[in-house]
N, C-alpha and C. Protein backbone atom coordinates (compact mmCIF):
# COMPACT_ATOMS: atom_id res chain seq x y z
N UNK A 1 -7.48 -12.15 -25.99
CA UNK A 1 -5.78 -13.48 -26.26
C UNK A 1 -6.36 -14.07 -24.72
N UNK A 2 -7.18 -14.39 -24.82
CA UNK A 2 -8.06 -15.17 -23.57
C UNK A 2 -7.71 -16.92 -23.63
N UNK A 3 -7.40 -16.77 -24.87
CA UNK A 3 -7.30 -18.31 -24.95
C UNK A 3 -5.32 -19.13 -24.50
N UNK A 4 -4.73 -17.84 -24.75
CA UNK A 4 -3.64 -18.62 -23.99
C UNK A 4 -2.72 -17.01 -22.61
N UNK A 5 -2.38 -17.52 -22.00
CA UNK A 5 -1.67 -16.48 -20.94
C UNK A 5 -0.50 -15.37 -22.53
N UNK A 6 -0.30 -14.46 -21.92
CA UNK A 6 0.71 -13.25 -22.56
C UNK A 6 2.15 -14.13 -21.71
N UNK A 7 2.64 -14.68 -22.80
CA UNK A 7 4.25 -14.57 -21.57
C UNK A 7 5.22 -13.91 -22.04
N UNK A 8 4.95 -12.67 -23.20
CA UNK A 8 6.24 -12.18 -23.02
C UNK A 8 5.73 -10.48 -22.73
N UNK A 9 6.73 -10.29 -21.36
CA UNK A 9 6.28 -9.50 -20.43
C UNK A 9 6.37 -7.59 -20.81
N UNK A 10 5.45 -7.42 -20.24
CA UNK A 10 5.03 -5.69 -20.84
C UNK A 10 4.71 -4.40 -20.21
N UNK A 11 5.87 -3.40 -20.77
CA UNK A 11 6.22 -1.92 -20.37
C UNK A 11 5.33 -1.09 -20.84
N UNK A 12 4.61 -0.36 -19.49
CA UNK A 12 3.81 0.42 -19.91
C UNK A 12 4.83 1.69 -19.25
N UNK A 13 4.71 2.79 -20.20
CA UNK A 13 5.39 4.14 -19.35
C UNK A 13 4.47 5.00 -19.58
N UNK A 14 4.45 5.70 -18.04
CA UNK A 14 3.21 6.26 -17.80
C UNK A 14 3.91 8.41 -17.19
N UNK A 15 3.05 9.01 -17.13
CA UNK A 15 3.39 10.38 -16.83
C UNK A 15 2.32 11.23 -15.91
N UNK A 16 1.72 11.56 -16.56
CA UNK A 16 0.79 12.32 -16.21
C UNK A 16 -0.55 12.45 -16.97
N UNK A 17 -0.72 11.23 -17.28
CA UNK A 17 -2.45 11.42 -18.04
C UNK A 17 -2.67 10.55 -17.90
N UNK A 18 -3.93 10.62 -17.16
CA UNK A 18 -4.58 8.86 -16.63
C UNK A 18 -5.50 8.67 -17.14
N UNK A 19 -5.81 9.49 -18.24
CA UNK A 19 -7.34 9.33 -18.97
C UNK A 19 -6.27 8.25 -19.86
N UNK A 20 -5.70 8.27 -20.85
CA UNK A 20 -5.22 7.44 -21.74
C UNK A 20 -4.31 6.44 -20.62
N UNK A 21 -3.85 7.23 -20.18
CA UNK A 21 -3.40 5.87 -19.43
C UNK A 21 -4.15 4.26 -19.16
N UNK A 22 -5.45 4.82 -18.60
CA UNK A 22 -6.29 4.11 -18.52
C UNK A 22 -6.90 3.37 -19.55
N UNK A 23 -6.96 3.72 -20.66
CA UNK A 23 -7.45 3.15 -21.82
C UNK A 23 -6.24 1.67 -22.60
N UNK A 24 -5.32 2.24 -21.90
CA UNK A 24 -4.02 1.29 -22.24
C UNK A 24 -4.04 0.18 -21.28
N UNK A 25 -3.85 0.51 -20.11
CA UNK A 25 -4.17 0.21 -19.15
C UNK A 25 -5.26 -1.14 -19.46
N UNK A 26 -6.68 -0.70 -19.51
CA UNK A 26 -7.76 -1.94 -19.77
C UNK A 26 -7.04 -2.47 -21.22
N UNK A 27 -6.78 -2.35 -22.05
CA UNK A 27 -5.94 -3.27 -23.05
C UNK A 27 -5.01 -4.08 -22.99
N UNK A 28 -4.56 -3.75 -21.88
CA UNK A 28 -3.15 -4.29 -21.22
C UNK A 28 -3.97 -6.17 -20.39
N UNK A 29 -5.06 -4.95 -19.46
CA UNK A 29 -5.81 -6.05 -18.92
C UNK A 29 -6.62 -7.41 -19.52
N UNK A 30 -6.83 -7.04 -20.80
CA UNK A 30 -7.19 -7.58 -21.82
C UNK A 30 -6.21 -9.00 -21.75
N UNK A 31 -5.17 -8.53 -22.24
CA UNK A 31 -4.41 -9.71 -22.84
C UNK A 31 -3.34 -10.47 -21.69
N UNK A 32 -3.63 -9.73 -20.40
CA UNK A 32 -3.17 -10.43 -19.28
C UNK A 32 -1.77 -11.01 -19.53
N UNK A 33 -0.47 -10.01 -19.45
CA UNK A 33 0.55 -10.43 -19.47
C UNK A 33 0.74 -11.34 -18.02
N UNK A 34 1.83 -12.31 -17.95
CA UNK A 34 1.69 -12.64 -16.53
C UNK A 34 3.04 -11.92 -15.90
N UNK A 35 3.68 -10.22 -16.44
CA UNK A 35 4.51 -9.58 -16.01
C UNK A 35 4.06 -8.53 -16.53
N UNK A 36 4.31 -7.45 -15.54
CA UNK A 36 3.87 -6.15 -15.75
C UNK A 36 5.22 -4.50 -15.61
N UNK A 37 5.69 -4.56 -16.10
CA UNK A 37 6.42 -3.37 -15.59
C UNK A 37 6.36 -2.11 -15.71
N UNK A 38 6.64 -1.15 -14.59
CA UNK A 38 6.13 0.37 -15.03
C UNK A 38 6.86 0.93 -14.77
N UNK A 39 7.26 2.16 -15.58
CA UNK A 39 7.94 3.27 -15.75
C UNK A 39 7.65 4.52 -15.90
N UNK A 40 7.98 5.78 -14.90
CA UNK A 40 6.91 6.56 -14.83
C UNK A 40 8.20 7.74 -14.19
N UNK A 41 7.69 9.04 -14.84
CA UNK A 41 8.25 10.27 -14.48
C UNK A 41 7.40 10.88 -13.36
N UNK A 42 7.57 12.00 -13.29
CA UNK A 42 7.31 12.87 -11.95
C UNK A 42 7.40 13.90 -12.31
N UNK A 43 6.20 15.07 -12.39
CA UNK A 43 6.30 16.60 -13.20
C UNK A 43 7.43 17.22 -11.80
N UNK A 44 7.63 18.19 -12.32
CA UNK A 44 8.57 19.16 -11.68
C UNK A 44 7.74 19.48 -10.42
N UNK A 45 8.01 19.69 -9.32
CA UNK A 45 8.30 20.37 -7.82
C UNK A 45 6.74 21.08 -7.92
N UNK A 46 7.42 22.72 -8.93
CA UNK A 46 6.07 23.23 -8.67
C UNK A 46 4.82 23.26 -9.93
N UNK A 47 5.06 21.91 -10.01
CA UNK A 47 3.65 21.86 -10.61
C UNK A 47 2.70 20.91 -10.15
N UNK A 48 1.81 21.78 -9.65
CA UNK A 48 1.08 20.86 -8.64
C UNK A 48 0.42 20.21 -9.25
N UNK A 49 -0.75 20.79 -10.18
CA UNK A 49 -1.61 20.16 -10.75
C UNK A 49 -1.62 18.86 -11.88
N UNK A 50 0.07 18.97 -12.22
CA UNK A 50 0.31 18.01 -13.13
C UNK A 50 0.98 16.62 -11.82
N UNK A 51 1.44 16.69 -11.22
CA UNK A 51 2.03 16.03 -9.95
C UNK A 51 0.55 14.88 -9.23
N UNK A 52 -0.57 16.18 -9.28
CA UNK A 52 -2.14 15.13 -9.23
C UNK A 52 -2.34 14.24 -10.10
N UNK A 53 -1.60 14.26 -11.00
CA UNK A 53 -2.66 13.75 -12.20
C UNK A 53 -1.28 12.58 -12.55
N UNK A 54 0.17 12.66 -12.53
CA UNK A 54 0.83 12.01 -12.20
C UNK A 54 0.31 10.69 -10.84
N UNK A 55 0.34 11.54 -9.97
CA UNK A 55 -0.65 10.19 -9.22
C UNK A 55 -1.54 9.14 -9.71
N UNK A 56 -2.44 9.64 -10.06
CA UNK A 56 -3.85 9.46 -10.63
C UNK A 56 -3.39 8.20 -11.74
N UNK A 57 -2.15 8.41 -12.31
CA UNK A 57 -1.77 7.30 -13.19
C UNK A 57 -1.58 6.30 -12.68
N UNK A 58 -0.42 6.76 -11.56
CA UNK A 58 0.25 5.51 -10.91
C UNK A 58 -0.76 4.69 -10.39
N UNK A 59 -1.88 5.42 -9.33
CA UNK A 59 -3.15 4.51 -9.23
C UNK A 59 -3.60 3.49 -9.67
N UNK A 60 -3.69 3.56 -10.97
CA UNK A 60 -4.53 3.04 -12.44
C UNK A 60 -3.49 1.39 -12.04
N UNK A 61 -2.49 1.23 -11.66
CA UNK A 61 -1.45 0.21 -11.86
C UNK A 61 -2.63 -0.90 -10.86
N UNK A 62 -2.59 -0.13 -9.48
CA UNK A 62 -3.44 -1.06 -8.64
C UNK A 62 -4.48 -1.64 -9.05
N UNK A 63 -4.56 -1.58 -10.47
CA UNK A 63 -6.05 -1.63 -10.90
C UNK A 63 -5.46 -3.82 -11.47
N UNK A 64 -4.23 -4.14 -11.47
CA UNK A 64 -4.31 -5.18 -11.60
C UNK A 64 -4.92 -6.18 -10.83
N UNK A 65 -5.37 -6.90 -11.85
CA UNK A 65 -6.69 -8.05 -11.13
C UNK A 65 -6.49 -9.79 -11.59
N UNK A 66 -5.25 -10.01 -12.37
CA UNK A 66 -4.95 -11.18 -12.73
C UNK A 66 -4.04 -11.51 -12.29
N UNK A 67 -3.51 -12.65 -12.34
CA UNK A 67 -2.63 -13.30 -12.27
C UNK A 67 -1.08 -12.91 -12.67
N UNK A 68 -0.21 -11.71 -12.12
CA UNK A 68 0.33 -10.67 -12.72
C UNK A 68 1.50 -10.24 -12.28
N UNK A 69 3.14 -10.15 -11.64
CA UNK A 69 4.37 -9.75 -11.36
C UNK A 69 3.97 -8.32 -11.38
N UNK A 70 4.11 -7.23 -10.50
CA UNK A 70 3.94 -5.90 -11.02
C UNK A 70 5.86 -5.50 -10.83
N UNK A 71 6.61 -4.68 -11.89
CA UNK A 71 7.36 -4.22 -11.21
C UNK A 71 7.12 -2.89 -11.83
N UNK A 72 7.41 -1.83 -10.50
CA UNK A 72 7.44 -0.22 -10.84
C UNK A 72 8.72 0.01 -10.46
N UNK A 73 8.77 1.07 -11.73
CA UNK A 73 9.83 1.84 -11.13
C UNK A 73 9.96 3.17 -11.23
N UNK A 74 9.38 3.82 -10.18
CA UNK A 74 8.69 5.94 -10.20
C UNK A 74 9.82 6.45 -9.90
N UNK A 75 10.09 7.23 -10.97
CA UNK A 75 11.37 8.54 -10.53
C UNK A 75 10.68 9.42 -9.11
N UNK A 76 11.37 9.89 -8.35
CA UNK A 76 11.33 10.62 -7.19
C UNK A 76 11.55 11.90 -7.48
N UNK A 77 11.97 12.30 -8.86
CA UNK A 77 12.21 13.42 -9.23
C UNK A 77 12.79 13.49 -10.61
N UNK A 78 12.00 15.11 -11.41
CA UNK A 78 12.09 15.43 -12.44
C UNK A 78 13.07 14.66 -14.02
N UNK A 79 13.15 13.37 -14.60
CA UNK A 79 13.82 13.69 -15.48
C UNK A 79 13.99 14.14 -16.41
N UNK A 80 12.95 14.32 -17.15
CA UNK A 80 12.40 14.77 -18.44
C UNK A 80 12.50 13.85 -19.27
N UNK A 81 11.73 14.44 -20.22
CA UNK A 81 11.26 12.89 -21.27
C UNK A 81 12.62 11.59 -21.38
N UNK A 82 13.22 12.48 -22.26
CA UNK A 82 14.85 11.56 -23.03
C UNK A 82 15.17 10.62 -21.55
N UNK A 83 15.67 11.58 -20.43
CA UNK A 83 16.25 10.57 -19.84
C UNK A 83 15.56 9.60 -19.38
N UNK A 84 13.89 9.75 -18.40
CA UNK A 84 12.90 9.41 -17.96
C UNK A 84 12.85 7.77 -18.75
N UNK A 85 12.70 7.70 -20.08
CA UNK A 85 12.59 6.55 -20.79
C UNK A 85 13.50 6.27 -21.27
N UNK A 86 15.10 6.44 -21.16
CA UNK A 86 16.07 6.43 -21.59
C UNK A 86 16.53 5.28 -20.29
N UNK A 87 16.26 5.81 -19.01
CA UNK A 87 16.41 5.16 -17.70
C UNK A 87 15.69 3.91 -17.45
N UNK A 88 14.45 4.02 -17.84
CA UNK A 88 13.67 3.74 -17.37
C UNK A 88 13.58 2.13 -18.14
N UNK A 89 13.81 1.93 -19.44
CA UNK A 89 14.26 1.38 -20.28
C UNK A 89 15.56 0.40 -20.33
N UNK A 90 16.38 1.21 -19.05
CA UNK A 90 18.07 0.44 -19.24
C UNK A 90 17.33 -0.47 -17.99
N UNK A 91 16.60 -0.39 -17.01
CA UNK A 91 15.92 -0.65 -15.87
C UNK A 91 15.18 -1.75 -16.39
N UNK A 92 14.17 -1.80 -17.42
CA UNK A 92 13.71 -3.13 -17.89
C UNK A 92 14.09 -4.05 -18.62
N UNK A 93 15.95 -3.53 -19.09
CA UNK A 93 16.58 -4.65 -19.73
C UNK A 93 16.89 -5.73 -18.88
N UNK A 94 17.25 -4.57 -17.68
CA UNK A 94 17.92 -5.12 -15.97
C UNK A 94 17.06 -6.23 -15.98
N UNK A 95 15.57 -6.04 -15.87
CA UNK A 95 15.33 -6.94 -15.47
C UNK A 95 14.30 -7.87 -16.54
N UNK A 96 14.34 -7.86 -17.11
CA UNK A 96 13.89 -8.87 -18.55
C UNK A 96 14.62 -9.01 -19.92
N UNK A 97 14.63 -10.09 -20.00
CA UNK A 97 15.49 -9.87 -21.91
C UNK A 97 14.07 -9.12 -22.91
N UNK A 98 12.98 -8.93 -23.36
CA UNK A 98 12.50 -9.05 -23.95
C UNK A 98 11.51 -8.42 -23.70
N UNK A 99 10.57 -7.12 -24.32
CA UNK A 99 9.29 -6.79 -23.60
C UNK A 99 8.26 -6.39 -25.00
N UNK A 100 7.11 -6.15 -24.34
CA UNK A 100 6.44 -5.14 -25.20
C UNK A 100 5.89 -3.88 -24.46
N UNK A 101 6.61 -2.76 -25.65
CA UNK A 101 6.31 -1.74 -24.27
C UNK A 101 5.50 -0.69 -25.29
N UNK A 102 4.78 -0.38 -24.09
CA UNK A 102 3.42 0.77 -24.47
C UNK A 102 3.73 2.29 -23.91
N UNK A 103 3.73 3.54 -24.50
CA UNK A 103 3.84 4.39 -23.67
C UNK A 103 2.15 5.08 -23.26
N UNK A 104 2.09 6.00 -22.77
CA UNK A 104 0.81 6.14 -21.74
C UNK A 104 -0.34 6.36 -23.16
N UNK A 105 -0.23 6.82 -24.19
CA UNK A 105 -1.29 7.15 -25.28
C UNK A 105 -0.83 6.42 -26.42
N UNK A 106 -0.57 5.15 -26.19
CA UNK A 106 -0.87 4.31 -27.76
C UNK A 106 -1.78 2.89 -27.04
N UNK A 107 -3.17 3.44 -27.38
CA UNK A 107 -3.94 1.60 -27.26
C UNK A 107 -3.57 0.83 -28.33
N UNK A 108 -3.19 -0.05 -28.20
CA UNK A 108 -3.26 -1.21 -28.89
C UNK A 108 -4.11 -1.90 -28.78
N UNK A 109 -4.43 -2.57 -30.12
CA UNK A 109 -5.52 -3.68 -30.65
C UNK A 109 -5.15 -4.85 -30.36
N UNK A 110 -6.11 -5.45 -29.57
CA UNK A 110 -6.47 -6.88 -28.65
C UNK A 110 -5.39 -7.47 -29.91
N UNK A 111 -5.02 -7.96 -30.44
CA UNK A 111 -4.30 -8.55 -31.12
C UNK A 111 -3.32 -8.44 -31.93
N UNK A 112 -2.79 -7.22 -31.33
CA UNK A 112 -1.28 -6.72 -31.54
C UNK A 112 -0.41 -7.57 -30.46
N UNK A 113 -0.76 -7.89 -28.73
CA UNK A 113 -0.13 -8.61 -27.83
C UNK A 113 0.16 -10.24 -28.99
N UNK A 114 -0.50 -10.90 -29.59
CA UNK A 114 -0.49 -11.72 -30.32
C UNK A 114 0.72 -12.02 -31.25
N UNK A 115 0.48 -10.98 -32.14
CA UNK A 115 1.49 -10.42 -32.59
C UNK A 115 2.60 -10.12 -32.42
N UNK A 116 2.79 -9.47 -31.38
CA UNK A 116 4.09 -9.20 -30.63
C UNK A 116 4.93 -10.67 -29.82
N UNK A 117 4.35 -11.48 -29.55
CA UNK A 117 5.06 -12.63 -29.31
C UNK A 117 5.12 -13.57 -29.85
N UNK A 118 4.21 -13.80 -31.33
CA UNK A 118 4.82 -15.12 -32.34
C UNK A 118 5.64 -13.87 -33.44
N UNK A 119 5.92 -12.96 -33.38
CA UNK A 119 7.02 -12.33 -33.95
C UNK A 119 8.26 -12.34 -33.58
N UNK A 120 8.18 -12.23 -31.79
CA UNK A 120 9.40 -12.46 -31.49
C UNK A 120 9.76 -13.84 -31.45
N UNK A 121 9.10 -14.65 -30.85
CA UNK A 121 9.53 -16.21 -30.94
C UNK A 121 10.09 -16.57 -32.55
N UNK A 122 9.26 -15.89 -33.85
CA UNK A 122 10.29 -16.43 -34.65
C UNK A 122 11.35 -15.89 -34.99
N UNK A 123 11.37 -14.39 -34.73
CA UNK A 123 12.31 -13.22 -35.09
C UNK A 123 13.41 -13.19 -34.13
N UNK A 124 13.56 -14.23 -32.56
CA UNK A 124 14.05 -13.79 -31.89
C UNK A 124 15.52 -14.33 -31.99
N UNK A 125 16.22 -14.85 -32.83
CA UNK A 125 17.68 -14.65 -33.70
C UNK A 125 17.84 -14.67 -34.98
N UNK A 126 17.07 -13.78 -35.63
CA UNK A 126 17.09 -13.32 -36.93
C UNK A 126 17.91 -11.87 -37.02
N UNK A 127 18.94 -12.00 -37.30
CA UNK A 127 19.74 -10.74 -37.00
C UNK A 127 19.61 -9.61 -38.07
N UNK A 128 18.84 -9.75 -38.60
CA UNK A 128 17.72 -8.93 -39.65
C UNK A 128 16.94 -7.90 -39.25
N UNK A 129 16.62 -8.09 -37.85
CA UNK A 129 15.23 -7.91 -37.50
C UNK A 129 15.91 -6.78 -36.21
N UNK A 130 15.98 -5.83 -36.01
CA UNK A 130 16.20 -5.19 -35.06
C UNK A 130 14.84 -4.94 -33.32
N UNK A 131 13.87 -4.60 -34.60
CA UNK A 131 12.53 -4.20 -33.80
C UNK A 131 11.72 -4.70 -34.44
N UNK A 132 10.03 -4.75 -33.61
CA UNK A 132 9.63 -4.86 -33.95
C UNK A 132 7.66 -3.59 -33.78
N UNK A 133 7.35 -2.94 -34.97
CA UNK A 133 6.53 -1.88 -34.03
C UNK A 133 4.95 -2.28 -34.87
N UNK A 134 4.63 -1.38 -33.83
CA UNK A 134 3.05 -1.80 -34.56
C UNK A 134 2.45 -0.32 -35.23
N UNK A 135 3.03 -0.21 -35.93
CA UNK A 135 2.95 0.86 -36.96
C UNK A 135 2.75 0.69 -38.92
N UNK A 136 1.79 1.35 -39.40
CA UNK A 136 2.35 1.00 -40.62
C UNK A 136 2.05 1.93 -41.55
N UNK A 137 2.81 3.08 -42.25
CA UNK A 137 2.02 4.32 -43.02
C UNK A 137 2.81 4.08 -43.97
N UNK A 138 2.31 2.51 -44.45
CA UNK A 138 2.25 2.40 -46.20
C UNK A 138 1.11 2.46 -47.39
N UNK A 139 0.18 3.25 -46.46
CA UNK A 139 -1.35 3.90 -47.26
C UNK A 139 -2.04 3.05 -47.58
N UNK A 140 -2.39 1.74 -47.04
CA UNK A 140 -3.05 0.74 -47.59
C UNK A 140 -2.43 -0.32 -48.94
N UNK A 141 -0.45 -0.14 -48.59
CA UNK A 141 -0.45 -0.38 -50.12
C UNK A 141 0.18 -2.59 -49.46
N UNK A 142 0.04 -2.96 -50.04
CA UNK A 142 0.71 -4.75 -49.59
C UNK A 142 1.56 -4.70 -49.80
N UNK A 143 2.34 -4.73 -48.98
CA UNK A 143 4.40 -5.20 -49.13
C UNK A 143 4.22 -6.70 -49.86
N UNK A 144 3.69 -7.41 -48.31
CA UNK A 144 3.91 -9.18 -48.46
C UNK A 144 2.90 -9.54 -48.60
N UNK A 145 2.65 -10.66 -48.18
CA UNK A 145 1.45 -11.50 -48.13
C UNK A 145 1.06 -11.55 -46.60
N UNK A 146 2.32 -11.36 -46.27
CA UNK A 146 1.65 -11.45 -44.60
C UNK A 146 0.95 -9.67 -44.10
N UNK A 147 0.68 -9.82 -42.78
CA UNK A 147 0.03 -8.74 -42.44
C UNK A 147 1.25 -7.49 -41.50
N UNK A 148 2.36 -8.30 -42.01
CA UNK A 148 4.02 -7.39 -41.79
C UNK A 148 4.70 -7.28 -42.91
N UNK A 149 5.29 -6.41 -42.80
CA UNK A 149 6.57 -6.31 -43.73
C UNK A 149 7.48 -5.25 -43.07
N UNK A 150 9.25 -5.88 -44.17
CA UNK A 150 10.33 -5.40 -43.47
C UNK A 150 10.31 -3.88 -43.82
N UNK A 151 11.40 -3.36 -43.15
CA UNK A 151 11.79 -1.88 -43.40
C UNK A 151 12.69 -1.50 -42.38
N UNK A 152 13.44 -0.64 -43.30
CA UNK A 152 14.82 0.26 -42.82
C UNK A 152 14.64 1.29 -41.67
N UNK A 153 13.47 1.32 -41.52
CA UNK A 153 12.48 2.92 -41.09
C UNK A 153 11.90 2.12 -39.65
N UNK A 154 12.01 3.13 -38.79
CA UNK A 154 10.67 2.29 -38.29
C UNK A 154 10.20 3.80 -37.09
N UNK A 155 9.56 3.88 -37.06
CA UNK A 155 8.42 4.29 -35.75
C UNK A 155 8.08 3.84 -34.66
N UNK A 156 8.38 4.10 -33.45
CA UNK A 156 7.75 3.54 -32.18
C UNK A 156 6.32 3.70 -31.48
N UNK A 157 5.49 3.04 -32.01
CA UNK A 157 4.20 3.05 -31.63
C UNK A 157 3.68 2.23 -30.59
N UNK A 158 4.17 1.46 -29.96
CA UNK A 158 4.02 -0.07 -29.70
C UNK A 158 5.08 -1.15 -30.15
N UNK A 159 6.43 -1.45 -29.40
CA UNK A 159 7.29 -2.10 -29.67
C UNK A 159 7.53 -3.11 -29.06
N UNK A 160 7.79 -4.33 -29.64
CA UNK A 160 8.07 -5.19 -28.71
C UNK A 160 9.93 -5.20 -28.70
N UNK A 161 10.96 -5.45 -27.91
CA UNK A 161 12.16 -5.48 -28.18
C UNK A 161 12.95 -6.59 -27.49
N UNK A 162 13.61 -7.32 -28.07
CA UNK A 162 14.70 -7.86 -27.27
C UNK A 162 15.86 -8.04 -27.64
N UNK A 163 16.67 -8.90 -26.90
CA UNK A 163 18.39 -8.95 -27.07
C UNK A 163 18.35 -9.84 -28.11
N UNK A 164 17.75 -10.53 -28.92
CA UNK A 164 18.34 -11.35 -29.79
C UNK A 164 17.93 -11.23 -31.37
N UNK A 165 17.00 -9.42 -31.08
CA UNK A 165 16.94 -9.16 -32.58
C UNK A 165 18.18 -8.34 -33.13
N UNK A 166 18.15 -8.87 -34.09
CA UNK A 166 19.38 -7.63 -35.24
C UNK A 166 19.26 -6.08 -35.30
N UNK A 167 19.04 -5.82 -36.66
CA UNK A 167 19.28 -4.60 -37.56
C UNK A 167 18.08 -4.39 -38.38
N UNK A 168 17.22 -4.97 -38.44
CA UNK A 168 16.24 -4.33 -39.14
C UNK A 168 14.88 -4.08 -38.51
N UNK A 169 14.06 -2.92 -39.10
CA UNK A 169 12.90 -3.09 -38.49
C UNK A 169 12.08 -3.84 -38.88
N UNK A 170 10.34 -4.23 -38.46
CA UNK A 170 9.57 -4.74 -39.17
C UNK A 170 8.32 -4.15 -38.68
N UNK A 171 7.06 -3.92 -39.34
CA UNK A 171 5.94 -2.79 -39.22
C UNK A 171 4.78 -3.78 -39.23
N UNK A 172 3.72 -3.65 -39.04
CA UNK A 172 2.74 -4.34 -39.07
C UNK A 172 1.88 -3.88 -40.55
């Protein structure tokens, strides 16, 4: 993705998996987004080993070595998975209108960033589209002559979202 810098902000949801966080971060580093928003939960206070792993995952974000605005939303008390993702995404969309979202165990193919940016541009105001996702459970069946298809179902493993998207899912 070095030909053109990624303009769509990227969100990274992290917790206590520094090994997988590092792999996802390396993929993001290759895409070099101009804005990176990081949402982190923290383990319960009695889980000292998990707290250390969470701190290691958070430290990975300090490796940003390209021209990028980094915004962090780190919880200081344990919120649980559902609440942390929900509150984190609320914060994200208070700061940006659209974003490509990764969890800390979702390593994207390098082409996924361009795919997201292009399809967000193309379908931004198409009310048929609610989300664009990066998964395909079609068992190698070709649904269209494009590299993606429309579906009424979605699974969120890498997903760009924006305010202008409508109500149908797209998958790669």
